[in-house]
Amino acid sequence: MTLNDFLNNLPETDKPVVSIFSGGLDSTIMTYALVKKYGADKVYTLTYDYKQKHRVEMICAGLTNEILKLNHKTIDISFLGEINKDFSNLADDSSIETPDGEKVIEEKQSTNYIANRNSILINIAVSYAETIGAGYVFYGAQSNDIAGFWDCTKEYVETLNNTFALNREHQIKVIAPFMGLWKTDEIKLGKELEVPFEHCWTCYNPVTIPDAGINHNSAVRPCGKCLSCVERIQAFKEVNMEDPAYANV
């Protein structure tokens, strides 16, 4: 899919749009695309602090928001990390080890999952969208992710939109523009959009190493072993591109 094809598939609107923007690879490429389609003044980004172990991604989100000059809010939902600390390895205070990516592939639901996270993030974003008169909320889910998370499926998005359609005053639709695409497709779009991939954090389990050579945070580098790293490394290899964020991994 070319960038023009992708942009033409996005809905037309003269209203603001909301991007759920973690600072990761998917949401960063998506946000660049939204700016290309609608203009920076129409794109409102939401970043969530849920006490995730990989909070460095919020630093990356901040960098991108500064570069693109977007309307940005960071929402504190730290309660989510609190209630997941004995359930998910992604919670900052969790004692659960981050599994290697190759092992996660064999599991139906890994500890990389934060319970009902996407529903919480999306509902907050829809609430925000209603207050600013936006018609669409975008999030970077992929139904083709190796882990196959239930809240990254076409059926999930359709169910959400059936619910939000009950709003009699303000119609808001959730769009997952990467649904059905592969990570390699995203990276190719990101290249066309000139996304600085070094500003996209992916790793679930950051490794603390001084002077790691990552310009947005010299104190950490990706682990290179978690599911998210494995998917990203493989995708960049498949498109024969160098990934600046993984130069020292």
C-alpha atoms as a PDB file:
ATOM      1  CA  MET A   1       0.000   0.000   0.000  1.00  0.00           C
ATOM      2  CA  THR A   2       1.357   3.420  -0.964  1.00  0.00           C
ATOM      3  CA  LEU A   3       1.096   6.421   1.320  1.00  0.00           C
ATOM      4  CA  ASN A   4      -1.448   8.051  -1.008  1.00  0.00           C
ATOM      5  CA  ASP A   5      -3.609   4.928  -0.911  1.00  0.00           C
ATOM      6  CA  PHE A   6      -3.425   4.857   2.868  1.00  0.00           C
ATOM      7  CA  LEU A   7      -4.313   8.538   3.234  1.00  0.00           C
ATOM      8  CA  ASN A   8      -7.186   8.235   0.776  1.00  0.00           C
ATOM      9  CA  ASN A   9      -8.645   5.435   2.904  1.00  0.00           C
ATOM     10  CA  LEU A  10      -8.841   7.704   5.947  1.00  0.00           C
ATOM     11  CA  PRO A  11     -12.221   9.398   6.473  1.00  0.00           C
ATOM     12  CA  GLU A  12     -12.768  12.952   5.296  1.00  0.00           C
ATOM     13  CA  THR A  13     -13.621  15.459   8.015  1.00  0.00           C
ATOM     14  CA  ASP A  14     -13.281  19.128   8.807  1.00  0.00           C
ATOM     15  CA  LYS A  15     -13.472  18.430  12.542  1.00  0.00           C
ATOM     16  CA  PRO A  16     -10.574  17.727  14.905  1.00  0.00           C
ATOM     17  CA  VAL A  17      -9.326  14.143  15.249  1.00  0.00           C
ATOM     18  CA  VAL A  18      -7.901  12.432  18.322  1.00  0.00           C
ATOM     19  CA  SER A  19      -4.846  10.185  18.230  1.00  0.00           C
ATOM     20  CA  ILE A  20      -4.160   7.756  21.086  1.00  0.00           C
ATOM     21  CA  PHE A  21      -0.426   8.329  21.071  1.00  0.00           C
ATOM     22  CA  SER A  22       1.842   6.157  23.216  1.00  0.00           C
ATOM     23  CA  GLY A  23       5.099   7.153  21.563  1.00  0.00           C
ATOM     24  CA  GLY A  24       5.529   3.663  20.111  1.00  0.00           C
ATOM     25  CA  LEU A  25       6.189   2.743  16.491  1.00  0.00           C
ATOM     26  CA  ASP A  26       2.544   2.154  15.512  1.00  0.00           C
ATOM     27  CA  SER A  27       1.082   5.276  17.081  1.00  0.00           C
ATOM     28  CA  THR A  28       3.937   7.514  15.902  1.00  0.00           C
ATOM     29  CA  ILE A  29       3.604   6.467  12.266  1.00  0.00           C
ATOM     30  CA  MET A  30      -0.165   6.809  12.579  1.00  0.00           C
ATOM     31  CA  THR A  31       0.104  10.310  14.048  1.00  0.00           C
ATOM     32  CA  TYR A  32       2.443  11.462  11.279  1.00  0.00           C
ATOM     33  CA  ALA A  33      -0.107  10.159   8.775  1.00  0.00           C
ATOM     34  CA  LEU A  34      -2.936  12.007  10.514  1.00  0.00           C
ATOM     35  CA  VAL A  35      -0.957  15.242  10.370  1.00  0.00           C
ATOM     36  CA  LYS A  36      -0.329  14.669   6.668  1.00  0.00           C
ATOM     37  CA  LYS A  37      -4.045  14.072   6.092  1.00  0.00           C
ATOM     38  CA  TYR A  38      -5.700  16.645   8.360  1.00  0.00           C
ATOM     39  CA  GLY A  39      -3.010  19.166   9.319  1.00  0.00           C
ATOM     40  CA  ALA A  40      -1.259  19.578  12.677  1.00  0.00           C
ATOM     41  CA  ASP A  41      -3.855  22.042  13.965  1.00  0.00           C
ATOM     42  CA  LYS A  42      -6.584  19.389  13.680  1.00  0.00           C
ATOM     43  CA  VAL A  43      -4.694  16.547  15.409  1.00  0.00           C
ATOM     44  CA  TYR A  44      -5.126  16.234  19.177  1.00  0.00           C
ATOM     45  CA  THR A  45      -2.952  13.606  20.854  1.00  0.00           C
ATOM     46  CA  LEU A  46      -3.504  11.768  24.133  1.00  0.00           C
ATOM     47  CA  THR A  47      -0.692   9.971  25.952  1.00  0.00           C
ATOM     48  CA  TYR A  48      -1.449   7.836  29.007  1.00  0.00           C
ATOM     49  CA  ASP A  49       0.707   7.354  32.079  1.00  0.00           C
ATOM     50  CA  TYR A  50      -0.465   4.069  33.569  1.00  0.00           C
ATOM     51  CA  LYS A  51       2.777   3.335  35.463  1.00  0.00           C
ATOM     52  CA  GLN A  52       4.028   1.224  32.585  1.00  0.00           C
ATOM     53  CA  LYS A  53       7.530  -0.219  32.843  1.00  0.00           C
ATOM     54  CA  HIS A  54       8.395   1.285  29.459  1.00  0.00           C
ATOM     55  CA  ARG A  55       7.525   4.865  30.403  1.00  0.00           C
ATOM     56  CA  VAL A  56      10.376   6.086  28.221  1.00  0.00           C
ATOM     57  CA  GLU A  57       7.808   5.896  25.403  1.00  0.00           C
ATOM     58  CA  MET A  58       6.156   8.984  26.896  1.00  0.00           C
ATOM     59  CA  ILE A  59       9.410  10.892  26.391  1.00  0.00           C
ATOM     60  CA  CYS A  60       9.307   9.859  22.737  1.00  0.00           C
ATOM     61  CA  ALA A  61       5.690  10.986  22.474  1.00  0.00           C
ATOM     62  CA  GLY A  62       6.686  14.356  23.902  1.00  0.00           C
ATOM     63  CA  LEU A  63       9.469  14.744  21.327  1.00  0.00           C
ATOM     64  CA  THR A  64       7.133  14.001  18.440  1.00  0.00           C
ATOM     65  CA  ASN A  65       4.507  16.384  19.759  1.00  0.00           C
ATOM     66  CA  GLU A  66       7.133  19.128  19.944  1.00  0.00           C
ATOM     67  CA  ILE A  67       8.385  18.399  16.423  1.00  0.00           C
ATOM     68  CA  LEU A  68       4.904  18.359  14.897  1.00  0.00           C
ATOM     69  CA  LYS A  69       3.526  21.113  17.188  1.00  0.00           C
ATOM     70  CA  LEU A  70       0.413  19.167  18.139  1.00  0.00           C
ATOM     71  CA  ASN A  71      -2.315  19.735  20.707  1.00  0.00           C
ATOM     72  CA  HIS A  72      -1.224  17.244  23.364  1.00  0.00           C
ATOM     73  CA  LYS A  73      -2.354  15.991  26.761  1.00  0.00           C
ATOM     74  CA  THR A  74      -0.860  13.377  29.074  1.00  0.00           C
ATOM     75  CA  ILE A  75      -3.508  11.648  31.177  1.00  0.00           C
ATOM     76  CA  ASP A  76      -2.627  10.113  34.547  1.00  0.00           C
ATOM     77  CA  ILE A  77      -4.296   6.708  34.854  1.00  0.00           C
ATOM     78  CA  SER A  78      -1.707   5.229  37.199  1.00  0.00           C
ATOM     79  CA  PHE A  79      -4.437   3.172  38.858  1.00  0.00           C
ATOM     80  CA  LEU A  80      -4.203   0.850  35.836  1.00  0.00           C
ATOM     81  CA  GLY A  81      -0.618  -0.056  36.636  1.00  0.00           C
ATOM     82  CA  GLU A  82      -1.480  -0.481  40.289  1.00  0.00           C
ATOM     83  CA  ILE A  83      -4.206  -3.029  39.689  1.00  0.00           C
ATOM     84  CA  ASN A  84      -2.090  -4.910  37.117  1.00  0.00           C
ATOM     85  CA  LYS A  85       1.172  -5.194  39.074  1.00  0.00           C
ATOM     86  CA  ASP A  86       0.486  -8.833  40.001  1.00  0.00           C
ATOM     87  CA  PHE A  87      -1.056  -9.616  36.618  1.00  0.00           C
ATOM     88  CA  SER A  88       1.121  -8.043  33.914  1.00  0.00           C
ATOM     89  CA  ASN A  89       4.870  -7.651  33.493  1.00  0.00           C
ATOM     90  CA  LEU A  90       4.225  -4.255  31.837  1.00  0.00           C
ATOM     91  CA  ALA A  91       3.357  -2.648  35.177  1.00  0.00           C
ATOM     92  CA  ASP A  92       6.293  -0.711  36.608  1.00  0.00           C
ATOM     93  CA  ASP A  93       6.080  -2.336  40.063  1.00  0.00           C
ATOM     94  CA  SER A  94       5.483  -5.838  38.719  1.00  0.00           C
ATOM     95  CA  SER A  95       7.646  -8.716  39.920  1.00  0.00           C
ATOM     96  CA  ILE A  96       6.671 -10.738  36.823  1.00  0.00           C
ATOM     97  CA  GLU A  97       9.549 -11.237  34.401  1.00  0.00           C
ATOM     98  CA  THR A  98       9.176 -10.015  30.831  1.00  0.00           C
ATOM     99  CA  PRO A  99       8.970 -13.129  28.625  1.00  0.00           C
ATOM    100  CA  ASP A 100      11.136 -13.562  25.544  1.00  0.00           C
ATOM    101  CA  GLY A 101       9.259 -12.806  22.350  1.00  0.00           C
ATOM    102  CA  GLU A 102       9.706 -16.279  20.932  1.00  0.00           C
ATOM    103  CA  LYS A 103       7.935 -17.805  23.954  1.00  0.00           C
ATOM    104  CA  VAL A 104       5.001 -15.392  23.758  1.00  0.00           C
ATOM    105  CA  ILE A 105       4.190 -16.562  20.237  1.00  0.00           C
ATOM    106  CA  GLU A 106       3.147 -19.928  21.679  1.00  0.00           C
ATOM    107  CA  GLU A 107       0.802 -18.443  24.306  1.00  0.00           C
ATOM    108  CA  LYS A 108      -2.867 -17.491  23.937  1.00  0.00           C
ATOM    109  CA  GLN A 109      -2.556 -14.548  26.329  1.00  0.00           C
ATOM    110  CA  SER A 110       0.842 -13.514  27.642  1.00  0.00           C
ATOM    111  CA  THR A 111       1.803 -11.387  30.630  1.00  0.00           C
ATOM    112  CA  ASN A 112       2.476  -8.576  28.124  1.00  0.00           C
ATOM    113  CA  TYR A 113      -1.244  -7.887  28.385  1.00  0.00           C
ATOM    114  CA  ILE A 114      -2.658  -5.109  30.622  1.00  0.00           C
ATOM    115  CA  ALA A 115      -6.200  -6.112  31.538  1.00  0.00           C
ATOM    116  CA  ASN A 116      -8.773  -4.261  29.415  1.00  0.00           C
ATOM    117  CA  ARG A 117      -6.284  -1.467  28.715  1.00  0.00           C
ATOM    118  CA  ASN A 118      -7.465  -0.538  25.233  1.00  0.00           C
ATOM    119  CA  SER A 119     -11.091  -0.208  26.321  1.00  0.00           C
ATOM    120  CA  ILE A 120     -10.065   2.216  29.067  1.00  0.00           C
ATOM    121  CA  LEU A 121      -7.805   4.254  26.785  1.00  0.00           C
ATOM    122  CA  ILE A 122     -10.373   4.427  24.011  1.00  0.00           C
ATOM    123  CA  ASN A 123     -13.260   5.396  26.282  1.00  0.00           C
ATOM    124  CA  ILE A 124     -11.225   8.253  27.742  1.00  0.00           C
ATOM    125  CA  ALA A 125     -10.261   9.348  24.235  1.00  0.00           C
ATOM    126  CA  VAL A 126     -13.893   9.276  23.088  1.00  0.00           C
ATOM    127  CA  SER A 127     -14.855  11.368  26.101  1.00  0.00           C
ATOM    128  CA  TYR A 128     -12.147  13.873  25.190  1.00  0.00           C
ATOM    129  CA  ALA A 129     -13.209  13.823  21.535  1.00  0.00           C
ATOM    130  CA  GLU A 130     -16.745  14.745  22.515  1.00  0.00           C
ATOM    131  CA  THR A 131     -15.540  17.771  24.502  1.00  0.00           C
ATOM    132  CA  ILE A 132     -13.544  19.194  21.577  1.00  0.00           C
ATOM    133  CA  GLY A 133     -16.065  18.367  18.862  1.00  0.00           C
ATOM    134  CA  ALA A 134     -13.966  15.667  17.197  1.00  0.00           C
ATOM    135  CA  GLY A 135     -15.587  13.048  14.995  1.00  0.00           C
ATOM    136  CA  TYR A 136     -12.920  10.348  15.038  1.00  0.00           C
ATOM    137  CA  VAL A 137     -10.581   8.656  17.503  1.00  0.00           C
ATOM    138  CA  PHE A 138      -7.618   6.783  16.025  1.00  0.00           C
ATOM    139  CA  TYR A 139      -5.563   4.035  17.635  1.00  0.00           C
ATOM    140  CA  GLY A 140      -2.728   1.995  16.189  1.00  0.00           C
ATOM    141  CA  ALA A 141      -3.964  -1.567  16.701  1.00  0.00           C
ATOM    142  CA  GLN A 142      -2.975  -4.357  14.364  1.00  0.00           C
ATOM    143  CA  SER A 143      -5.066  -7.502  14.082  1.00  0.00           C
ATOM    144  CA  ASN A 144      -2.020  -9.239  12.605  1.00  0.00           C
ATOM    145  CA  ASP A 145       0.212  -8.775  15.649  1.00  0.00           C
ATOM    146  CA  ILE A 146       1.850 -12.068  16.598  1.00  0.00           C
ATOM    147  CA  ALA A 147       0.309 -12.067  20.062  1.00  0.00           C
ATOM    148  CA  GLY A 148      -3.206 -11.624  18.686  1.00  0.00           C
ATOM    149  CA  PHE A 149      -4.564  -9.472  21.519  1.00  0.00           C
ATOM    150  CA  TRP A 150      -8.359  -9.627  21.666  1.00  0.00           C
ATOM    151  CA  ASP A 151      -8.666  -5.828  21.901  1.00  0.00           C
ATOM    152  CA  CYS A 152      -6.801  -5.357  18.621  1.00  0.00           C
ATOM    153  CA  THR A 153      -9.320  -7.084  16.381  1.00  0.00           C
ATOM    154  CA  LYS A 154     -11.818  -5.925  13.796  1.00  0.00           C
ATOM    155  CA  GLU A 155     -14.687  -7.391  15.844  1.00  0.00           C
ATOM    156  CA  TYR A 156     -13.594  -5.419  18.877  1.00  0.00           C
ATOM    157  CA  VAL A 157     -13.559  -2.114  16.998  1.00  0.00           C
ATOM    158  CA  GLU A 158     -16.933  -2.823  15.419  1.00  0.00           C
ATOM    159  CA  THR A 159     -18.451  -3.562  18.829  1.00  0.00           C
ATOM    160  CA  LEU A 160     -17.081  -0.333  20.253  1.00  0.00           C
ATOM    161  CA  ASN A 161     -18.510   1.684  17.392  1.00  0.00           C
ATOM    162  CA  ASN A 162     -21.916   0.067  17.814  1.00  0.00           C
ATOM    163  CA  THR A 163     -21.867   1.291  21.400  1.00  0.00           C
ATOM    164  CA  PHE A 164     -20.676   4.822  20.635  1.00  0.00           C
ATOM    165  CA  ALA A 165     -23.330   5.130  17.923  1.00  0.00           C
ATOM    166  CA  LEU A 166     -25.909   5.194  20.733  1.00  0.00           C
ATOM    167  CA  ASN A 167     -24.836   8.762  21.518  1.00  0.00           C
ATOM    168  CA  ARG A 168     -27.749  10.777  20.126  1.00  0.00           C
ATOM    169  CA  GLU A 169     -25.977  14.132  20.204  1.00  0.00           C
ATOM    170  CA  HIS A 170     -22.394  13.511  19.135  1.00  0.00           C
ATOM    171  CA  GLN A 171     -21.380  10.722  16.760  1.00  0.00           C
ATOM    172  CA  ILE A 172     -17.785   9.591  17.289  1.00  0.00           C
ATOM    173  CA  LYS A 173     -16.184   6.685  15.470  1.00  0.00           C
ATOM    174  CA  VAL A 174     -13.087   4.710  16.451  1.00  0.00           C
ATOM    175  CA  ILE A 175     -10.704   4.011  13.573  1.00  0.00           C
ATOM    176  CA  ALA A 176      -7.830   1.512  13.623  1.00  0.00           C
ATOM    177  CA  PRO A 177      -6.156   2.400  10.292  1.00  0.00           C
ATOM    178  CA  PHE A 178      -3.495  -0.315  10.513  1.00  0.00           C
ATOM    179  CA  MET A 179      -6.048  -3.093  10.963  1.00  0.00           C
ATOM    180  CA  GLY A 180      -5.219  -5.779   8.449  1.00  0.00           C
ATOM    181  CA  LEU A 181      -1.742  -4.381   7.701  1.00  0.00           C
ATOM    182  CA  TRP A 182       1.575  -5.885   8.728  1.00  0.00           C
ATOM    183  CA  LYS A 183       4.343  -4.152  10.649  1.00  0.00           C
ATOM    184  CA  THR A 184       6.352  -4.052   7.421  1.00  0.00           C
ATOM    185  CA  ASP A 185       3.540  -2.100   5.745  1.00  0.00           C
ATOM    186  CA  GLU A 186       3.632   0.437   8.559  1.00  0.00           C
ATOM    187  CA  ILE A 187       7.382   0.884   8.324  1.00  0.00           C
ATOM    188  CA  LYS A 188       7.150   1.519   4.581  1.00  0.00           C
ATOM    189  CA  LEU A 189       4.496   4.172   5.256  1.00  0.00           C
ATOM    190  CA  GLY A 190       6.703   5.650   7.961  1.00  0.00           C
ATOM    191  CA  LYS A 191       9.594   5.902   5.525  1.00  0.00           C
ATOM    192  CA  GLU A 192       7.413   7.802   3.036  1.00  0.00           C
ATOM    193  CA  LEU A 193       6.269  10.076   5.860  1.00  0.00           C
ATOM    194  CA  GLU A 194       9.908  10.648   6.909  1.00  0.00           C
ATOM    195  CA  VAL A 195       9.194   9.484  10.445  1.00  0.00           C
ATOM    196  CA  PRO A 196      12.319   9.634  12.643  1.00  0.00           C
ATOM    197  CA  PHE A 197      12.252   6.024  13.822  1.00  0.00           C
ATOM    198  CA  GLU A 198      14.721   6.793  16.619  1.00  0.00           C
ATOM    199  CA  HIS A 199      11.849   8.689  18.289  1.00  0.00           C
ATOM    200  CA  CYS A 200       9.602   5.613  18.340  1.00  0.00           C
ATOM    201  CA  TRP A 201       9.981   3.499  21.486  1.00  0.00           C
ATOM    202  CA  THR A 202       8.966  -0.143  21.203  1.00  0.00           C
ATOM    203  CA  CYS A 203      10.615  -2.231  23.937  1.00  0.00           C
ATOM    204  CA  TYR A 204       8.593  -3.580  26.883  1.00  0.00           C
ATOM    205  CA  ASN A 205      11.664  -4.054  29.068  1.00  0.00           C
ATOM    206  CA  PRO A 206      14.116  -1.126  28.777  1.00  0.00           C
ATOM    207  CA  VAL A 207      17.712  -1.896  29.731  1.00  0.00           C
ATOM    208  CA  THR A 208      19.462   0.748  31.815  1.00  0.00           C
ATOM    209  CA  ILE A 209      22.856   1.463  30.275  1.00  0.00           C
ATOM    210  CA  PRO A 210      24.560   4.881  30.477  1.00  0.00           C
ATOM    211  CA  ASP A 211      25.402   6.440  27.118  1.00  0.00           C
ATOM    212  CA  ALA A 212      23.446   3.855  25.158  1.00  0.00           C
ATOM    213  CA  GLY A 213      23.528   6.132  22.128  1.00  0.00           C
ATOM    214  CA  ILE A 214      19.768   6.682  21.862  1.00  0.00           C
ATOM    215  CA  ASN A 215      19.415  10.418  21.500  1.00  0.00           C
ATOM    216  CA  HIS A 216      16.060  10.747  23.293  1.00  0.00           C
ATOM    217  CA  ASN A 217      17.209   8.985  26.458  1.00  0.00           C
ATOM    218  CA  SER A 218      20.865   7.985  26.840  1.00  0.00           C
ATOM    219  CA  ALA A 219      20.125   6.001  30.018  1.00  0.00           C
ATOM    220  CA  VAL A 220      18.217   3.165  28.357  1.00  0.00           C
ATOM    221  CA  ARG A 221      18.220   0.936  25.299  1.00  0.00           C
ATOM    222  CA  PRO A 222      15.779  -1.697  24.002  1.00  0.00           C
ATOM    223  CA  CYS A 223      16.275  -5.201  25.355  1.00  0.00           C
ATOM    224  CA  GLY A 224      16.054  -6.787  21.898  1.00  0.00           C
ATOM    225  CA  LYS A 225      14.353  -9.893  23.306  1.00  0.00           C
ATOM    226  CA  CYS A 226      10.766  -9.060  24.285  1.00  0.00           C
ATOM    227  CA  LEU A 227       7.848  -9.632  21.931  1.00  0.00           C
ATOM    228  CA  SER A 228       7.686  -6.010  20.860  1.00  0.00           C
ATOM    229  CA  CYS A 229      11.416  -5.902  20.076  1.00  0.00           C
ATOM    230  CA  VAL A 230      11.315  -9.216  18.202  1.00  0.00           C
ATOM    231  CA  GLU A 231       8.455  -8.013  15.983  1.00  0.00           C
ATOM    232  CA  ARG A 232      10.142  -4.694  15.249  1.00  0.00           C
ATOM    233  CA  ILE A 233      13.593  -6.141  14.532  1.00  0.00           C
ATOM    234  CA  GLN A 234      12.114  -8.755  12.192  1.00  0.00           C
ATOM    235  CA  ALA A 235       9.972  -6.192  10.364  1.00  0.00           C
ATOM    236  CA  PHE A 236      12.891  -3.848   9.675  1.00  0.00           C
ATOM    237  CA  LYS A 237      14.928  -6.795   8.408  1.00  0.00           C
ATOM    238  CA  GLU A 238      12.132  -7.794   6.049  1.00  0.00           C
ATOM    239  CA  VAL A 239      12.011  -4.332   4.477  1.00  0.00           C
ATOM    240  CA  ASN A 240      15.823  -4.171   4.369  1.00  0.00           C
ATOM    241  CA  MET A 241      16.013  -0.982   6.418  1.00  0.00           C
ATOM    242  CA  GLU A 242      18.327   0.032   9.239  1.00  0.00           C
ATOM    243  CA  ASP A 243      16.525   0.888  12.471  1.00  0.00           C
ATOM    244  CA  PRO A 244      18.346   3.749  14.237  1.00  0.00           C
ATOM    245  CA  ALA A 245      16.675   2.970  17.554  1.00  0.00           C
ATOM    246  CA  TYR A 246      18.248  -0.512  17.566  1.00  0.00           C
ATOM    247  CA  ALA A 247      21.721   0.403  16.364  1.00  0.00           C
ATOM    248  CA  ASN A 248      23.242  -0.522  19.738  1.00  0.00           C
ATOM    249  CA  VAL A 249      21.172  -3.642  20.455  1.00  0.00           C
END
